[in-house]
Amino acid sequence: MKRRAFLKTAALATAASILPQTGDTLAAAEKTKPMNVVFILADDLGWSDTTLYGTTKLYKTPNIERLAKRGMTFTRAYSNSPLCSPTRASILTGQTPARHGSTSPVHHTKAVRMKASVKPAAHPRQKALITNSVTRLDTRLPTLGKLMKQAGYTTAHFGKWHLGPEPHSPLQHGFDVDIPHWPGPGPAGSFVAPWRFKKFKAKYPGEHIEDRMADETINWIKSLSKDKPFFINYWQFSVHAPFNAKKKLIDQYRKKIDKTSPQQSPTYAAMVHSLDDAIGSLLDTIDKNGLAERTVIIFISDNGGNMYNRIPADGNVTPTSNSPLRGGKASMYEGGFRVPCIVAWPGVTKPGARSDEIIQASDFYPTLLNGLGVALPKNHKIDAIDIMPALKGGKLNREAIFTFFPHSPPVPDWLPPSMSVHSGDWKLIRLFHEGENRAHDYRLYNLAEDIGEKNNLAASHPEKVKTLDRMIEKHIKETKAVIPKPNPRFDPKQYKPENIGVPASKWQAK
């Protein structure tokens, strides 16, 4: 009897599989399909460069707002570095720059350096020897592209890479497609054609590279089989230098400049506009092709807004301002790496939700893998955490995040080689060997009370400094970070502490 019952059940199951499916069974089958992923990474887009946080009156980002209505906006999201390549490497590996060794955006240079090291010498005015960054993303690493491809996803990378040319391009890191297959730090020569990409030509005079990247992404999505999930890196060229845009948009924003506002560049506003338009085109395609309910969309920037370049056509103003945050790109203050972030995950995030939880760009590595049922790689250290509890509206069990930046580019609000820790409302910046007798120096801020980092509380809260610095030291040891060393050639007579935070053009000399 048992055998007869089993055969009957099997026959019914077989019949059901070959009979036309009903609406209910089709809906059930649709729900079991793997989720698609679109990872949108803006380049140099600051925390105050969108309308998400009420910090700008000049820039218009309706499509970013449209995405925010679908998912969760994070108010305390951070890139892994105040410069681009380190954050990109962290997104793809789940590791901090302290571990993977990419600490500076030098991945377009000819030098091939796979391990970080300390530079042998420094100017006598510097107290510390800075580090040499890794210059290529190691192809032995289990990157997101590789893992998603192994899990059955069709993969593609569109836009900026800046983690190394062949043989370290997206094609060697798990991506089936890489357009425009460009290793440089920004668009080739211009955002508006003619470009200087080696094997990628404009379709018409004046074509905007962001429009083209959106079109390439859209056409690729349309070409795919409906049954196979996809993973897309749409890593925008916008809004990195060079600073140019569509003339019509520049003229439009030139009429809206408020001289009392810290954001005064119509060119940059036009660049933000095109970035937002491209996101809108992508959302339109996802909606029209019935993919909205099974596509995870992540939007974040690789570092803070640029405050050190100048735009002559706009009266020599800086591209943007990250106010009320202090500093910007290449600075260890909040403006350097607090960034806009949205996650729209159907069935997980509540539409229009907001979260004050601290997250970091590298967190998307374990979060995506766990959330999509892709096994985490073995023998690969992951510094990030799964932020799924926050995506669901809850709290994260997180002690701290760390930002390692052992460099000191002389931009406004620059600091000597340093490392920071965020824990709750507190932020500590360790300045390597910047104190007396080669000891470290510190900047301590309570961001809940002082988001602009104007009041250094290190002297009045020595115990808090010790507690947070122990966290920094622990992370250094766990990651085996290559850290700055005291400069043996340091000459106190040439040291000028007044120059810290001042652009190089305004340095005082001794």
Protein backbone atom coordinates (compact mmCIF):
# COMPACT_ATOMS: atom_id res chain seq x y z
CA MET A 1 0.00 0.00 0.00
CA LYS A 2 2.82 2.39 0.84
CA ARG A 3 4.49 1.76 -2.53
CA ARG A 4 1.18 2.31 -4.36
CA ALA A 5 0.57 5.58 -2.48
CA PHE A 6 4.09 6.77 -3.26
CA LEU A 7 3.67 6.03 -6.98
CA LYS A 8 0.36 7.87 -7.02
CA THR A 9 1.90 10.92 -5.38
CA ALA A 10 4.84 10.89 -7.80
CA ALA A 11 2.51 10.62 -10.77
CA LEU A 12 0.47 13.59 -9.57
CA ALA A 13 3.63 15.66 -9.11
CA THR A 14 4.82 14.75 -12.60
CA ALA A 15 1.46 15.61 -14.11
CA ALA A 16 1.41 18.93 -12.31
CA SER A 17 4.82 19.77 -13.73
CA ILE A 18 3.75 19.24 -17.34
CA LEU A 19 0.26 20.74 -17.14
CA PRO A 20 -0.19 24.48 -17.83
CA GLN A 21 0.54 26.42 -14.65
CA THR A 22 -2.14 28.49 -13.00
CA GLY A 23 -1.68 32.10 -11.91
CA ASP A 24 -1.05 30.93 -8.34
CA THR A 25 1.65 28.44 -9.30
CA LEU A 26 3.31 30.99 -11.59
CA ALA A 27 3.33 33.53 -8.76
CA ALA A 28 4.82 30.94 -6.40
CA ALA A 29 7.51 30.08 -8.95
CA GLU A 30 8.29 33.77 -9.40
CA LYS A 31 8.79 34.20 -5.66
CA THR A 32 11.32 31.38 -5.54
CA LYS A 33 13.52 32.96 -8.21
CA PRO A 34 16.81 34.39 -6.92
CA MET A 35 16.94 38.15 -6.42
CA ASN A 36 18.82 40.28 -8.91
CA VAL A 37 21.32 42.88 -7.68
CA VAL A 38 22.14 46.34 -9.00
CA PHE A 39 25.00 47.97 -7.10
CA ILE A 40 25.19 51.69 -7.89
CA LEU A 41 28.42 53.30 -6.71
CA ALA A 42 28.75 57.06 -7.19
CA ASP A 43 32.22 58.56 -7.44
CA ASP A 44 33.10 61.43 -5.05
CA LEU A 45 29.43 62.17 -4.28
CA GLY A 46 29.30 63.84 -0.87
CA TRP A 47 26.84 63.45 1.98
CA SER A 48 25.42 66.90 1.18
CA ASP A 49 25.30 66.39 -2.60
CA THR A 50 21.79 64.90 -2.66
CA THR A 51 18.43 65.99 -1.31
CA LEU A 52 18.28 63.02 1.08
CA TYR A 53 19.43 64.86 4.20
CA GLY A 54 18.13 68.41 3.77
CA THR A 55 21.62 69.84 3.30
CA THR A 56 21.38 71.31 -0.21
CA LYS A 57 19.15 73.80 -1.98
CA LEU A 58 21.08 73.81 -5.25
CA TYR A 59 21.32 70.16 -6.31
CA LYS A 60 18.27 68.28 -7.58
CA THR A 61 18.11 64.50 -7.16
CA PRO A 62 14.48 63.41 -7.67
CA ASN A 63 15.42 59.90 -8.84
CA ILE A 64 17.59 59.28 -5.81
CA GLU A 65 14.58 60.39 -3.75
CA ARG A 66 12.46 58.00 -5.82
CA LEU A 67 14.81 55.16 -4.89
CA ALA A 68 14.66 56.20 -1.24
CA LYS A 69 10.87 55.81 -1.29
CA ARG A 70 11.38 52.15 -2.24
CA GLY A 71 13.79 51.27 0.54
CA MET A 72 15.89 52.45 3.46
CA THR A 73 18.04 55.57 3.65
CA PHE A 74 21.03 55.41 5.99
CA THR A 75 22.00 58.66 7.72
CA ARG A 76 25.31 57.30 9.08
CA ALA A 77 26.76 55.36 6.18
CA TYR A 78 30.51 55.46 5.58
CA SER A 79 32.85 54.57 2.77
CA ASN A 80 35.93 52.58 3.80
CA SER A 81 38.27 55.41 2.92
CA PRO A 82 38.23 59.11 2.06
CA LEU A 83 39.59 58.08 -1.36
CA CYS A 84 38.06 55.86 -4.03
CA SER A 85 40.10 52.71 -4.80
CA PRO A 86 40.38 51.54 -1.18
CA THR A 87 36.59 51.66 -0.80
CA ARG A 88 36.10 49.80 -4.09
CA ALA A 89 38.44 47.04 -2.95
CA SER A 90 36.57 46.85 0.38
CA ILE A 91 33.17 46.49 -1.31
CA LEU A 92 34.43 43.57 -3.40
CA THR A 93 36.27 41.79 -0.55
CA GLY A 94 34.49 42.64 2.69
CA GLN A 95 37.83 43.70 4.13
CA THR A 96 39.06 47.05 5.40
CA PRO A 97 42.02 48.81 3.73
CA ALA A 98 44.06 47.93 6.82
CA ARG A 99 43.83 44.29 5.73
CA HIS A 100 43.78 44.33 1.92
CA GLY A 101 46.46 47.03 1.73
CA SER A 102 44.85 49.30 -0.85
CA THR A 103 45.00 52.67 0.88
CA SER A 104 45.49 55.13 -1.99
CA PRO A 105 44.00 55.42 -5.53
CA VAL A 106 47.16 54.53 -7.44
CA HIS A 107 45.76 51.52 -9.30
CA HIS A 108 46.05 53.14 -12.73
CA THR A 109 49.82 53.60 -12.39
CA LYS A 110 52.37 51.32 -14.04
CA ALA A 111 53.80 50.12 -10.73
CA VAL A 112 52.53 46.67 -9.78
CA ARG A 113 52.66 46.33 -6.00
CA MET A 114 50.70 43.51 -4.40
CA LYS A 115 51.73 44.15 -0.78
CA ALA A 116 51.74 47.34 1.23
CA SER A 117 55.01 48.63 2.69
CA VAL A 118 56.37 51.61 4.60
CA LYS A 119 58.14 54.19 2.49
CA PRO A 120 61.87 54.34 3.26
CA ALA A 121 62.03 58.12 3.63
CA ALA A 122 60.00 61.28 4.20
CA HIS A 123 60.59 65.03 4.23
CA PRO A 124 62.23 66.22 7.47
CA ARG A 125 59.13 68.29 8.26
CA GLN A 126 57.07 65.07 8.57
CA LYS A 127 56.99 63.11 11.79
CA ALA A 128 55.93 59.80 10.22
CA LEU A 129 56.86 57.63 7.26
CA ILE A 130 53.73 56.98 5.22
CA THR A 131 52.93 53.70 3.48
CA ASN A 132 53.09 52.47 -0.09
CA SER A 133 49.62 51.31 -1.15
CA VAL A 134 48.84 48.12 -3.00
CA THR A 135 48.27 49.03 -6.67
CA ARG A 136 46.20 46.09 -7.94
CA LEU A 137 43.23 44.09 -6.62
CA ASP A 138 44.66 40.59 -6.19
CA THR A 139 42.88 38.11 -8.48
CA ARG A 140 43.28 35.39 -5.86
CA LEU A 141 40.74 37.14 -3.65
CA PRO A 142 37.14 35.79 -3.60
CA THR A 143 35.51 38.97 -4.85
CA LEU A 144 31.77 39.55 -5.04
CA GLY A 145 31.87 39.18 -8.82
CA LYS A 146 33.48 35.76 -8.60
CA LEU A 147 31.17 34.47 -5.88
CA MET A 148 28.00 35.68 -7.59
CA LYS A 149 29.09 34.15 -10.88
CA GLN A 150 29.85 30.83 -9.16
CA ALA A 151 26.35 30.96 -7.65
CA GLY A 152 24.80 31.08 -11.14
CA TYR A 153 24.45 34.82 -11.65
CA THR A 154 25.15 36.58 -14.93
CA THR A 155 27.53 39.39 -14.01
CA ALA A 156 28.48 42.74 -15.52
CA HIS A 157 30.50 45.81 -14.62
CA PHE A 158 29.67 49.19 -16.13
CA GLY A 159 31.64 52.38 -15.54
CA LYS A 160 34.63 53.16 -13.35
CA TRP A 161 36.82 50.36 -11.97
CA HIS A 162 40.16 51.85 -10.82
CA LEU A 163 41.45 48.65 -9.25
CA GLY A 164 43.96 47.77 -11.94
CA PRO A 165 44.18 47.18 -15.70
CA GLU A 166 44.50 43.76 -17.33
CA PRO A 167 45.18 41.23 -15.87
CA HIS A 168 43.40 42.76 -12.85
CA SER A 169 40.31 44.11 -14.59
CA PRO A 170 36.66 43.22 -13.85
CA LEU A 171 36.99 40.37 -16.35
CA GLN A 172 39.48 38.67 -14.02
CA HIS A 173 37.28 39.31 -10.97
CA GLY A 174 34.17 37.42 -12.03
CA PHE A 175 32.42 39.83 -14.38
CA ASP A 176 31.23 38.51 -17.75
CA VAL A 177 31.08 42.01 -19.20
CA ASP A 178 33.16 45.13 -18.56
CA ILE A 179 32.21 48.38 -20.31
CA PRO A 180 34.07 50.59 -21.19
CA HIS A 181 36.93 48.42 -19.86
CA TRP A 182 38.82 51.47 -18.62
CA PRO A 183 41.39 51.38 -15.78
CA GLY A 184 41.68 55.14 -15.22
CA PRO A 185 40.65 57.25 -12.21
CA GLY A 186 37.90 59.10 -14.10
CA PRO A 187 36.27 59.37 -17.53
CA ALA A 188 38.77 59.57 -20.37
CA GLY A 189 39.30 63.28 -20.85
CA SER A 190 35.72 64.48 -20.55
CA PHE A 191 32.19 63.58 -19.50
CA VAL A 192 30.91 64.97 -22.77
CA ALA A 193 32.18 63.41 -26.01
CA PRO A 194 34.64 63.40 -27.66
CA TRP A 195 36.19 61.02 -25.12
CA ARG A 196 39.61 59.40 -25.11
CA PHE A 197 38.66 55.82 -24.28
CA LYS A 198 40.87 53.49 -26.29
CA LYS A 199 38.19 51.15 -27.63
CA PHE A 200 34.93 52.88 -26.75
CA LYS A 201 33.53 55.55 -29.05
CA ALA A 202 30.64 57.97 -28.68
CA LYS A 203 27.50 57.27 -30.67
CA TYR A 204 26.91 60.95 -31.39
CA PRO A 205 28.68 64.31 -30.84
CA GLY A 206 28.30 65.58 -27.30
CA GLU A 207 27.17 62.25 -25.85
CA HIS A 208 27.43 62.22 -22.05
CA ILE A 209 29.32 59.26 -20.62
CA GLU A 210 26.78 58.75 -17.81
CA ASP A 211 23.90 58.63 -20.30
CA ARG A 212 25.87 56.08 -22.28
CA MET A 213 26.70 53.95 -19.25
CA ALA A 214 23.03 53.90 -18.28
CA ASP A 215 22.10 52.90 -21.84
CA GLU A 216 24.71 50.13 -21.90
CA THR A 217 23.40 48.80 -18.58
CA ILE A 218 19.79 48.98 -19.75
CA ASN A 219 20.49 47.23 -23.05
CA TRP A 220 22.37 44.48 -21.24
CA ILE A 221 19.45 43.91 -18.86
CA LYS A 222 17.04 43.69 -21.79
CA SER A 223 19.25 41.11 -23.51
CA LEU A 224 19.21 38.67 -20.59
CA SER A 225 17.20 35.52 -20.12
CA LYS A 226 14.33 36.09 -17.71
CA ASP A 227 15.16 32.88 -15.84
CA LYS A 228 18.74 33.66 -14.83
CA PRO A 229 19.50 36.21 -12.09
CA PHE A 230 21.95 39.04 -12.71
CA PHE A 231 24.48 40.96 -10.63
CA ILE A 232 25.38 44.42 -11.94
CA ASN A 233 28.06 46.83 -10.81
CA TYR A 234 26.89 50.17 -12.13
CA TRP A 235 29.84 52.20 -10.86
CA GLN A 236 29.29 55.71 -12.09
CA PHE A 237 32.00 58.02 -13.39
CA SER A 238 30.05 60.92 -11.88
CA VAL A 239 30.92 63.21 -10.18
CA HIS A 240 34.71 62.80 -10.30
CA ALA A 241 36.96 65.27 -12.14
CA PRO A 242 37.22 66.52 -14.88
CA PHE A 243 34.52 69.04 -14.14
CA ASN A 244 32.34 69.49 -17.20
CA ALA A 245 28.72 68.77 -18.06
CA LYS A 246 25.93 69.39 -20.55
CA LYS A 247 25.91 73.09 -21.42
CA LYS A 248 22.12 73.28 -21.21
CA LEU A 249 22.19 72.04 -17.62
CA ILE A 250 25.06 74.32 -16.63
CA ASP A 251 23.14 77.32 -17.95
CA GLN A 252 20.06 76.16 -16.07
CA TYR A 253 21.87 75.96 -12.74
CA ARG A 254 23.87 79.15 -13.27
CA LYS A 255 20.60 81.03 -12.75
CA LYS A 256 20.07 79.31 -9.39
CA ILE A 257 23.39 80.07 -7.69
CA ASP A 258 23.03 81.60 -4.22
CA LYS A 259 26.21 83.45 -3.26
CA THR A 260 25.43 82.94 0.42
CA SER A 261 25.47 79.15 0.00
CA PRO A 262 28.69 77.10 0.27
CA GLN A 263 27.64 75.17 -2.87
CA GLN A 264 28.20 77.55 -5.79
CA SER A 265 29.22 75.53 -8.84
CA PRO A 266 26.63 75.30 -11.65
CA THR A 267 28.91 72.81 -13.43
CA TYR A 268 28.95 70.46 -10.46
CA ALA A 269 25.18 70.84 -10.02
CA ALA A 270 24.77 69.82 -13.67
CA MET A 271 27.01 66.80 -13.06
CA VAL A 272 24.87 65.73 -10.12
CA HIS A 273 21.79 66.21 -12.31
CA SER A 274 23.16 63.82 -14.96
CA LEU A 275 24.11 61.28 -12.30
CA ASP A 276 20.53 61.37 -11.04
CA ASP A 277 19.05 61.16 -14.55
CA ALA A 278 21.05 57.98 -15.20
CA ILE A 279 19.68 56.39 -12.03
CA GLY A 280 16.19 57.35 -13.16
CA SER A 281 16.68 55.64 -16.52
CA LEU A 282 17.81 52.50 -14.76
CA LEU A 283 14.80 52.52 -12.42
CA ASP A 284 12.47 52.99 -15.39
CA THR A 285 13.90 49.90 -17.08
CA ILE A 286 13.66 47.80 -13.94
CA ASP A 287 10.01 48.82 -13.55
CA LYS A 288 9.00 48.36 -17.19
CA ASN A 289 10.54 44.89 -17.31
CA GLY A 290 8.72 43.72 -14.18
CA LEU A 291 11.93 43.36 -12.17
CA ALA A 292 11.25 45.76 -9.29
CA GLU A 293 9.98 43.13 -6.85
CA ARG A 294 12.96 40.85 -7.29
CA THR A 295 15.86 43.28 -7.63
CA VAL A 296 18.02 44.52 -4.76
CA ILE A 297 19.28 48.05 -5.45
CA ILE A 298 22.16 49.52 -3.45
CA PHE A 299 23.24 53.13 -3.81
CA ILE A 300 26.31 54.55 -2.06
CA SER A 301 29.34 56.74 -2.79
CA ASP A 302 33.00 55.73 -2.63
CA ASN A 303 34.06 58.79 -0.58
CA GLY A 304 33.05 62.33 0.32
CA GLY A 305 32.64 65.36 -1.91
CA ASN A 306 35.59 67.12 -3.52
CA MET A 307 36.55 70.39 -1.80
CA TYR A 308 40.11 70.82 -3.03
CA ASN A 309 39.87 71.24 -6.82
CA ARG A 310 38.76 74.51 -8.42
CA ILE A 311 36.47 75.12 -11.41
CA PRO A 312 37.69 78.18 -13.37
CA ALA A 313 34.56 78.35 -15.53
CA ASP A 314 32.47 78.89 -12.38
CA GLY A 315 34.65 81.62 -10.90
CA ASN A 316 37.30 79.30 -9.46
CA VAL A 317 34.97 77.92 -6.77
CA THR A 318 35.41 74.45 -5.28
CA PRO A 319 33.18 71.73 -6.79
CA THR A 320 31.03 71.34 -3.69
CA SER A 321 30.72 71.72 0.07
CA ASN A 322 29.95 68.93 2.54
CA SER A 323 28.60 71.34 5.15
CA PRO A 324 27.55 70.83 7.92
CA LEU A 325 30.26 68.16 7.90
CA ARG A 326 33.89 69.18 8.16
CA GLY A 327 36.35 68.40 5.39
CA GLY A 328 35.90 66.43 2.21
CA LYS A 329 37.54 63.95 -0.11
CA ALA A 330 41.03 62.92 1.14
CA SER A 331 40.28 64.18 4.66
CA MET A 332 39.73 62.07 7.77
CA TYR A 333 36.99 64.36 9.01
CA GLU A 334 33.37 63.34 8.43
CA GLY A 335 33.12 65.08 5.07
CA GLY A 336 35.76 62.71 3.75
CA PHE A 337 33.85 59.49 4.17
CA ARG A 338 30.32 59.93 5.51
CA VAL A 339 28.29 59.34 2.34
CA PRO A 340 24.72 59.05 1.03
CA CYS A 341 23.33 55.53 1.03
CA ILE A 342 20.06 53.79 0.12
CA VAL A 343 19.19 50.10 0.07
CA ALA A 344 15.99 48.93 -1.58
CA TRP A 345 15.54 45.19 -0.89
CA PRO A 346 12.02 43.96 -1.71
CA GLY A 347 10.54 41.98 1.13
CA VAL A 348 13.21 43.23 3.54
CA THR A 349 13.36 47.03 3.63
CA LYS A 350 10.28 49.06 4.43
CA PRO A 351 9.53 51.68 1.73
CA GLY A 352 10.61 55.16 2.81
CA ALA A 353 12.39 53.92 5.94
CA ARG A 354 15.42 55.60 7.51
CA SER A 355 18.11 54.23 9.81
CA ASP A 356 20.70 55.90 12.05
CA GLU A 357 22.73 52.70 12.41
CA ILE A 358 26.41 52.96 11.50
CA ILE A 359 27.22 50.99 8.37
CA GLN A 360 30.27 50.81 6.11
CA ALA A 361 30.53 50.08 2.38
CA SER A 362 32.32 46.76 2.99
CA ASP A 363 29.26 45.52 4.91
CA PHE A 364 27.50 44.82 1.63
CA TYR A 365 29.83 41.88 1.01
CA PRO A 366 28.52 39.57 3.79
CA THR A 367 25.04 41.12 3.65
CA LEU A 368 24.51 40.31 -0.02
CA LEU A 369 26.04 36.85 0.20
CA ASN A 370 24.04 35.84 3.28
CA GLY A 371 20.83 37.48 2.06
CA LEU A 372 21.01 35.78 -1.32
CA GLY A 373 21.97 32.38 0.04
CA VAL A 374 25.49 32.42 -1.40
CA ALA A 375 28.05 30.69 0.80
CA LEU A 376 30.70 32.87 2.39
CA PRO A 377 34.19 31.94 1.16
CA LYS A 378 36.38 29.77 3.35
CA ASN A 379 39.80 30.92 4.51
CA HIS A 380 38.96 34.55 3.74
CA LYS A 381 38.93 37.01 6.63
CA ILE A 382 35.94 39.36 6.55
CA ASP A 383 36.05 42.57 8.60
CA ALA A 384 32.52 43.68 7.71
CA ILE A 385 29.24 42.58 9.29
CA ASP A 386 25.87 41.50 7.93
CA ILE A 387 23.59 44.54 8.26
CA MET A 388 20.36 42.65 7.57
CA PRO A 389 18.98 43.50 11.05
CA ALA A 390 19.30 47.20 10.21
CA LEU A 391 17.69 46.68 6.79
CA LYS A 392 14.72 45.18 8.61
CA GLY A 393 14.48 48.25 10.84
CA GLY A 394 16.39 46.93 13.84
CA LYS A 395 19.64 47.62 15.65
CA LEU A 396 23.09 46.30 14.83
CA ASN A 397 25.28 44.48 17.30
CA ARG A 398 28.37 46.43 16.31
CA GLU A 399 31.15 47.74 18.51
CA ALA A 400 32.87 49.99 15.98
CA ILE A 401 33.96 50.70 12.41
CA PHE A 402 37.53 51.62 11.40
CA THR A 403 38.97 53.83 8.69
CA PHE A 404 42.67 53.47 7.89
CA PHE A 405 44.30 56.26 5.90
CA PRO A 406 48.11 56.27 6.30
CA HIS A 407 48.58 59.20 3.92
CA SER A 408 48.46 62.98 4.13
CA PRO A 409 47.51 64.64 0.83
CA PRO A 410 47.62 68.42 1.46
CA VAL A 411 43.95 69.19 0.86
CA PRO A 412 41.81 71.51 2.98
CA ASP A 413 41.35 70.02 6.46
CA TRP A 414 44.06 67.40 5.84
CA LEU A 415 45.56 65.42 8.70
CA PRO A 416 48.85 63.54 9.05
CA PRO A 417 48.76 59.74 8.46
CA SER A 418 45.93 58.52 10.63
CA MET A 419 43.28 55.97 11.56
CA SER A 420 39.83 56.53 13.01
CA VAL A 421 37.29 54.55 14.97
CA HIS A 422 33.56 55.26 15.22
CA SER A 423 31.81 53.76 18.23
CA GLY A 424 28.32 54.98 19.04
CA ASP A 425 28.35 58.77 19.05
CA TRP A 426 32.12 58.92 19.52
CA LYS A 427 34.85 59.26 16.94
CA LEU A 428 38.57 59.09 17.67
CA ILE A 429 41.28 59.90 15.14
CA ARG A 430 44.76 58.61 15.89
CA LEU A 431 47.52 60.65 14.25
CA PHE A 432 50.47 58.29 13.91
CA HIS A 433 53.57 59.54 15.78
CA GLU A 434 52.34 63.13 15.69
CA GLY A 435 52.63 63.68 19.45
CA GLU A 436 55.57 64.38 21.71
CA ASN A 437 58.50 61.96 21.67
CA ARG A 438 57.06 60.06 18.70
CA ALA A 439 53.89 59.14 20.57
CA HIS A 440 50.55 59.29 18.78
CA ASP A 441 48.31 62.34 18.90
CA TYR A 442 44.51 62.26 19.04
CA ARG A 443 41.35 64.07 17.98
CA LEU A 444 38.17 63.05 19.84
CA TYR A 445 34.67 64.15 18.86
CA ASN A 446 31.14 63.50 20.03
CA LEU A 447 29.31 63.54 16.71
CA ALA A 448 25.85 63.66 18.30
CA GLU A 449 26.73 67.05 19.79
CA ASP A 450 29.35 68.21 17.29
CA ILE A 451 28.71 66.91 13.78
CA GLY A 452 31.06 69.59 12.42
CA GLU A 453 33.99 68.28 14.52
CA LYS A 454 34.90 71.69 15.92
CA ASN A 455 35.68 70.66 19.50
CA ASN A 456 38.53 68.23 20.15
CA LEU A 457 37.65 66.53 23.45
CA ALA A 458 40.79 64.39 23.75
CA ALA A 459 42.26 66.40 26.63
CA SER A 460 39.04 66.42 28.66
CA HIS A 461 38.16 62.73 28.07
CA PRO A 462 41.43 60.80 28.43
CA GLU A 463 39.71 57.54 29.42
CA LYS A 464 37.52 57.61 26.32
CA VAL A 465 40.66 58.16 24.22
CA LYS A 466 42.31 55.13 25.83
CA THR A 467 39.25 52.92 25.30
CA LEU A 468 38.84 53.84 21.64
CA ASP A 469 42.56 53.69 20.95
CA ARG A 470 42.66 50.13 22.28
CA MET A 471 40.04 49.28 19.63
CA ILE A 472 42.26 50.81 16.96
CA GLU A 473 45.27 48.83 18.17
CA LYS A 474 43.23 45.62 18.20
CA HIS A 475 42.11 46.16 14.60
CA ILE A 476 45.67 46.86 13.51
CA LYS A 477 46.84 43.58 15.03
CA GLU A 478 43.91 41.55 13.69
CA THR A 479 44.38 42.84 10.15
CA LYS A 480 48.20 42.80 10.28
CA ALA A 481 48.12 46.33 8.90
CA VAL A 482 51.27 47.97 7.60
CA ILE A 483 51.27 51.20 9.61
CA PRO A 484 53.36 54.38 9.48
CA LYS A 485 56.63 54.48 11.41
CA PRO A 486 58.52 57.38 12.99
CA ASN A 487 60.54 59.37 10.49
CA PRO A 488 64.23 59.02 11.43
CA ARG A 489 65.02 62.20 9.47
CA PHE A 490 62.46 64.32 11.30
CA ASP A 491 63.78 67.81 11.99
CA PRO A 492 61.81 69.82 14.60
CA LYS A 493 63.18 73.02 13.09
CA GLN A 494 61.31 72.31 9.87
CA TYR A 495 58.08 71.19 11.54
CA LYS A 496 55.19 73.61 11.33
CA PRO A 497 52.02 72.36 13.11
CA GLU A 498 50.16 75.44 11.86
CA ASN A 499 50.20 73.88 8.39
CA ILE A 500 48.08 70.89 9.43
CA GLY A 501 44.69 71.22 7.77
CA VAL A 502 45.88 74.01 5.47
CA PRO A 503 46.11 73.58 1.67
CA ALA A 504 49.69 73.34 0.41
CA SER A 505 49.37 76.64 -1.45
CA LYS A 506 48.94 78.43 1.89
CA TRP A 507 51.63 76.67 3.93
CA GLN A 508 53.85 78.77 6.13
CA ALA A 509 57.53 78.06 5.68
CA LYS A 510 60.38 77.93 8.13
